Amino acid sequence: MDSFLKDANITVWPTLGYNFWGITKCANTAVKTHLYELATKQRFTDKKHTRIHGVDSIIYASRQEAMENGLRNFSVTRNPYDRFLSIYSDLILSRPKRGVTAGLDSDMKVDDVLDFVQSATELDVHLRTQSSFIPVHQFLTFDVRQLATWPLALDPVKHKRHQSKIKHIRLNTLQKERVYQLYQEDFANFNYLK
């Protein structure tokens, strides 16, 4: 598969009537798995849940293709503070090898990751703003907390949360301000409070 299309992360579900514009660390894997199961009427049984992103039968599209294919477009967003903690948990604590691919070191602290995001000229797909994934005002977006009651004409996601390591991580006031500055467009575009 074309890596550009995979990074754009727009999947096409013609039998369901939707294009899903996946945003990293916003229940992207859970929603994609759910759509796959609805479309195929089969459980996704791979023990490594992230393998859903490489399933051959899943169709990926460019932005233009998704905007022109006649299907309804939607995406799931997340409070930028929670998303940043999820990024840290995933790329530093849970999957440090993937973090290295993103340019991070496994021994980085929260402030180190914030420094990296602030100074990088090109960010890995996991570190980009949510707004960079989607044309903000052109289709339906809703918060990750709405998955169980989402406004789609499909069965809602029964979101299974995996064990997270973020429970013990808290952002202090200065770190929150830095997250706000780095992801300010997401706070504005998706109506999250500072």
Protein backbone atom coordinates (compact mmCIF):
# COMPACT_ATOMS: atom_id res chain seq x y z
CA MET A 1 0.00 0.00 0.00
CA ASP A 2 1.11 3.55 -0.75
CA SER A 3 2.58 4.98 2.49
CA PHE A 4 1.12 8.40 1.64
CA LEU A 5 -2.39 6.92 1.66
CA LYS A 6 -1.71 5.00 4.85
CA ASP A 7 -0.46 8.16 6.61
CA ALA A 8 -3.51 10.10 5.36
CA ASN A 9 -5.44 7.28 7.09
CA ILE A 10 -8.74 7.66 5.26
CA THR A 11 -10.54 4.34 4.94
CA VAL A 12 -13.47 3.73 2.63
CA TRP A 13 -16.43 1.59 3.70
CA PRO A 14 -18.77 1.49 0.66
CA THR A 15 -21.16 -1.11 2.07
CA LEU A 16 -21.56 1.03 5.21
CA GLY A 17 -21.82 4.35 3.35
CA TYR A 18 -18.92 6.10 5.12
CA ASN A 19 -15.34 7.27 4.78
CA PHE A 20 -13.51 7.26 8.10
CA TRP A 21 -10.77 9.87 8.47
CA GLY A 22 -8.67 8.32 11.23
CA ILE A 23 -6.68 10.53 13.57
CA THR A 24 -3.91 8.89 15.55
CA LYS A 25 -4.55 8.53 19.30
CA CYS A 26 -8.28 9.25 18.85
CA ALA A 27 -9.64 5.68 18.98
CA ASN A 28 -8.51 5.26 15.39
CA THR A 29 -7.70 1.55 15.81
CA ALA A 30 -10.93 0.81 17.69
CA VAL A 31 -13.13 2.58 15.14
CA LYS A 32 -11.36 1.01 12.16
CA THR A 33 -11.68 -2.44 13.73
CA HIS A 34 -15.37 -1.80 14.41
CA LEU A 35 -16.02 -0.70 10.83
CA TYR A 36 -14.13 -3.74 9.53
CA GLU A 37 -16.27 -6.03 11.67
CA LEU A 38 -19.50 -4.34 10.56
CA ALA A 39 -18.50 -4.48 6.88
CA THR A 40 -17.24 -8.07 6.88
CA LYS A 41 -19.54 -9.48 9.56
CA GLN A 42 -16.43 -11.14 11.02
CA ARG A 43 -14.50 -10.53 14.22
CA PHE A 44 -10.99 -9.19 13.85
CA THR A 45 -9.12 -11.78 15.86
CA ASP A 46 -5.46 -10.82 15.47
CA LYS A 47 -3.95 -10.54 18.95
CA LYS A 48 -1.94 -7.50 17.88
CA HIS A 49 -4.79 -5.01 17.51
CA THR A 50 -2.73 -2.50 15.46
CA ARG A 51 -2.51 -4.98 12.57
CA ILE A 52 -5.95 -3.77 11.49
CA HIS A 53 -4.16 -0.90 9.73
CA GLY A 54 -2.49 -3.32 7.32
CA VAL A 55 -5.42 -5.58 6.41
CA ASP A 56 -5.33 -6.02 2.62
CA SER A 57 -9.09 -5.79 2.13
CA ILE A 58 -9.32 -2.33 3.72
CA ILE A 59 -9.51 0.41 1.09
CA TYR A 60 -7.49 3.58 1.69
CA ALA A 61 -8.24 6.78 -0.21
CA SER A 62 -6.75 10.19 -0.81
CA ARG A 63 -8.49 13.28 0.54
CA GLN A 64 -9.81 14.14 -2.91
CA GLU A 65 -11.13 10.62 -3.52
CA ALA A 66 -12.90 10.63 -0.16
CA MET A 67 -14.47 14.04 -0.76
CA GLU A 68 -15.73 12.97 -4.20
CA ASN A 69 -16.83 9.33 -3.76
CA GLY A 70 -20.36 10.14 -2.53
CA LEU A 71 -19.93 8.54 0.92
CA ARG A 72 -20.44 10.42 4.18
CA ASN A 73 -17.20 11.58 5.82
CA PHE A 74 -16.59 11.44 9.56
CA SER A 75 -13.79 11.56 12.10
CA VAL A 76 -13.28 11.15 15.83
CA THR A 77 -11.40 13.76 17.87
CA ARG A 78 -10.04 13.89 21.40
CA ASN A 79 -9.27 16.53 23.99
CA PRO A 80 -5.69 17.58 23.12
CA TYR A 81 -4.51 17.15 26.73
CA ASP A 82 -5.77 13.56 26.81
CA ARG A 83 -4.41 12.91 23.33
CA PHE A 84 -0.95 14.15 24.31
CA LEU A 85 -0.92 11.86 27.35
CA SER A 86 -1.96 9.00 25.09
CA ILE A 87 0.86 9.85 22.66
CA TYR A 88 3.34 9.82 25.54
CA SER A 89 1.99 6.57 26.95
CA ASP A 90 2.04 4.86 23.57
CA LEU A 91 5.31 6.06 22.06
CA ILE A 92 7.45 6.28 25.20
CA LEU A 93 6.02 3.75 27.67
CA SER A 94 4.22 1.09 25.62
CA ARG A 95 5.81 1.02 22.17
CA PRO A 96 9.22 2.70 22.49
CA LYS A 97 10.43 1.18 19.20
CA ARG A 98 7.59 2.98 17.41
CA GLY A 99 8.55 6.09 19.36
CA VAL A 100 12.10 5.87 18.00
CA THR A 101 10.63 5.73 14.48
CA ALA A 102 8.81 8.98 15.34
CA GLY A 103 12.12 10.54 16.43
CA LEU A 104 11.68 10.08 20.17
CA ASP A 105 13.94 8.36 22.71
CA SER A 106 12.50 5.85 25.15
CA ASP A 107 13.93 7.72 28.14
CA MET A 108 12.22 11.03 27.28
CA LYS A 109 10.13 12.73 29.93
CA VAL A 110 6.97 14.72 29.16
CA ASP A 111 8.93 17.99 28.84
CA ASP A 112 11.39 16.34 26.45
CA VAL A 113 8.57 15.23 24.16
CA LEU A 114 7.06 18.72 24.28
CA ASP A 115 10.49 20.17 23.38
CA PHE A 116 10.74 17.75 20.47
CA VAL A 117 7.29 18.61 19.10
CA GLN A 118 8.02 22.31 19.47
CA SER A 119 11.35 22.17 17.63
CA ALA A 120 10.68 19.55 14.93
CA THR A 121 10.29 20.79 11.39
CA GLU A 122 8.42 17.68 10.29
CA LEU A 123 6.39 15.59 12.71
CA ASP A 124 5.55 11.91 12.66
CA VAL A 125 1.90 11.10 12.03
CA HIS A 126 1.38 10.40 15.77
CA LEU A 127 2.60 13.86 16.81
CA ARG A 128 0.77 16.04 14.29
CA THR A 129 -2.25 18.17 15.14
CA GLN A 130 -5.67 16.60 14.76
CA SER A 131 -6.58 19.47 12.45
CA SER A 132 -3.86 18.39 10.02
CA PHE A 133 -5.74 15.15 9.35
CA ILE A 134 -9.09 16.56 8.26
CA PRO A 135 -10.77 19.49 6.50
CA VAL A 136 -12.21 20.74 9.76
CA HIS A 137 -15.60 22.15 8.87
CA GLN A 138 -16.59 19.97 5.95
CA PHE A 139 -18.01 16.92 7.69
CA LEU A 140 -19.05 15.23 10.90
CA THR A 141 -16.63 15.07 13.81
CA PHE A 142 -17.37 13.96 17.33
CA ASP A 143 -15.42 13.30 20.51
CA VAL A 144 -14.01 9.90 21.42
CA ARG A 145 -16.25 9.88 24.51
CA GLN A 146 -19.28 9.69 22.18
CA LEU A 147 -18.33 6.36 20.57
CA ALA A 148 -20.96 4.38 22.47
CA THR A 149 -23.69 6.79 21.31
CA TRP A 150 -22.25 8.12 18.07
CA PRO A 151 -24.47 9.99 15.62
CA LEU A 152 -24.00 7.53 12.73
CA ALA A 153 -26.57 5.19 11.23
CA LEU A 154 -24.41 2.24 12.36
CA ASP A 155 -24.15 0.23 15.55
CA PRO A 156 -21.97 2.22 17.97
CA VAL A 157 -18.48 1.17 18.97
CA LYS A 158 -18.20 -0.96 22.06
CA HIS A 159 -14.83 0.58 22.80
CA LYS A 160 -12.52 -1.81 24.58
CA ARG A 161 -9.86 0.21 26.28
CA HIS A 162 -6.53 -1.49 26.57
CA GLN A 163 -4.55 -1.08 29.76
CA SER A 164 -3.06 2.37 29.63
CA LYS A 165 0.01 3.55 31.44
CA ILE A 166 -1.20 7.15 31.59
CA LYS A 167 -3.11 6.88 34.85
CA HIS A 168 -0.06 7.93 36.85
CA ILE A 169 0.98 10.71 34.45
CA ARG A 170 -0.35 14.21 35.02
CA LEU A 171 0.41 17.42 33.23
CA ASN A 172 1.45 20.30 35.44
CA THR A 173 0.26 23.84 34.72
CA LEU A 174 3.27 24.74 32.55
CA GLN A 175 3.01 21.50 30.57
CA LYS A 176 -0.70 22.10 29.98
CA GLU A 177 0.11 25.57 28.67
CA ARG A 178 2.72 24.08 26.33
CA VAL A 179 0.28 21.46 25.02
CA TYR A 180 -2.22 24.25 24.48
CA GLN A 181 0.31 26.30 22.50
CA LEU A 182 1.42 23.33 20.37
CA TYR A 183 -2.10 22.07 19.62
CA GLN A 184 -3.99 25.37 19.84
CA GLU A 185 -5.75 24.87 16.50
CA ASP A 186 -7.27 21.63 17.81
CA PHE A 187 -8.67 23.36 20.89
CA ALA A 188 -10.25 25.98 18.61
CA ASN A 189 -11.40 23.76 15.74
CA PHE A 190 -13.00 21.07 17.90
CA ASN A 191 -14.29 23.26 20.76
CA TYR A 192 -12.10 21.92 23.56
CA LEU A 193 -11.62 24.11 26.60
CA LYS A 194 -8.20 25.30 27.64
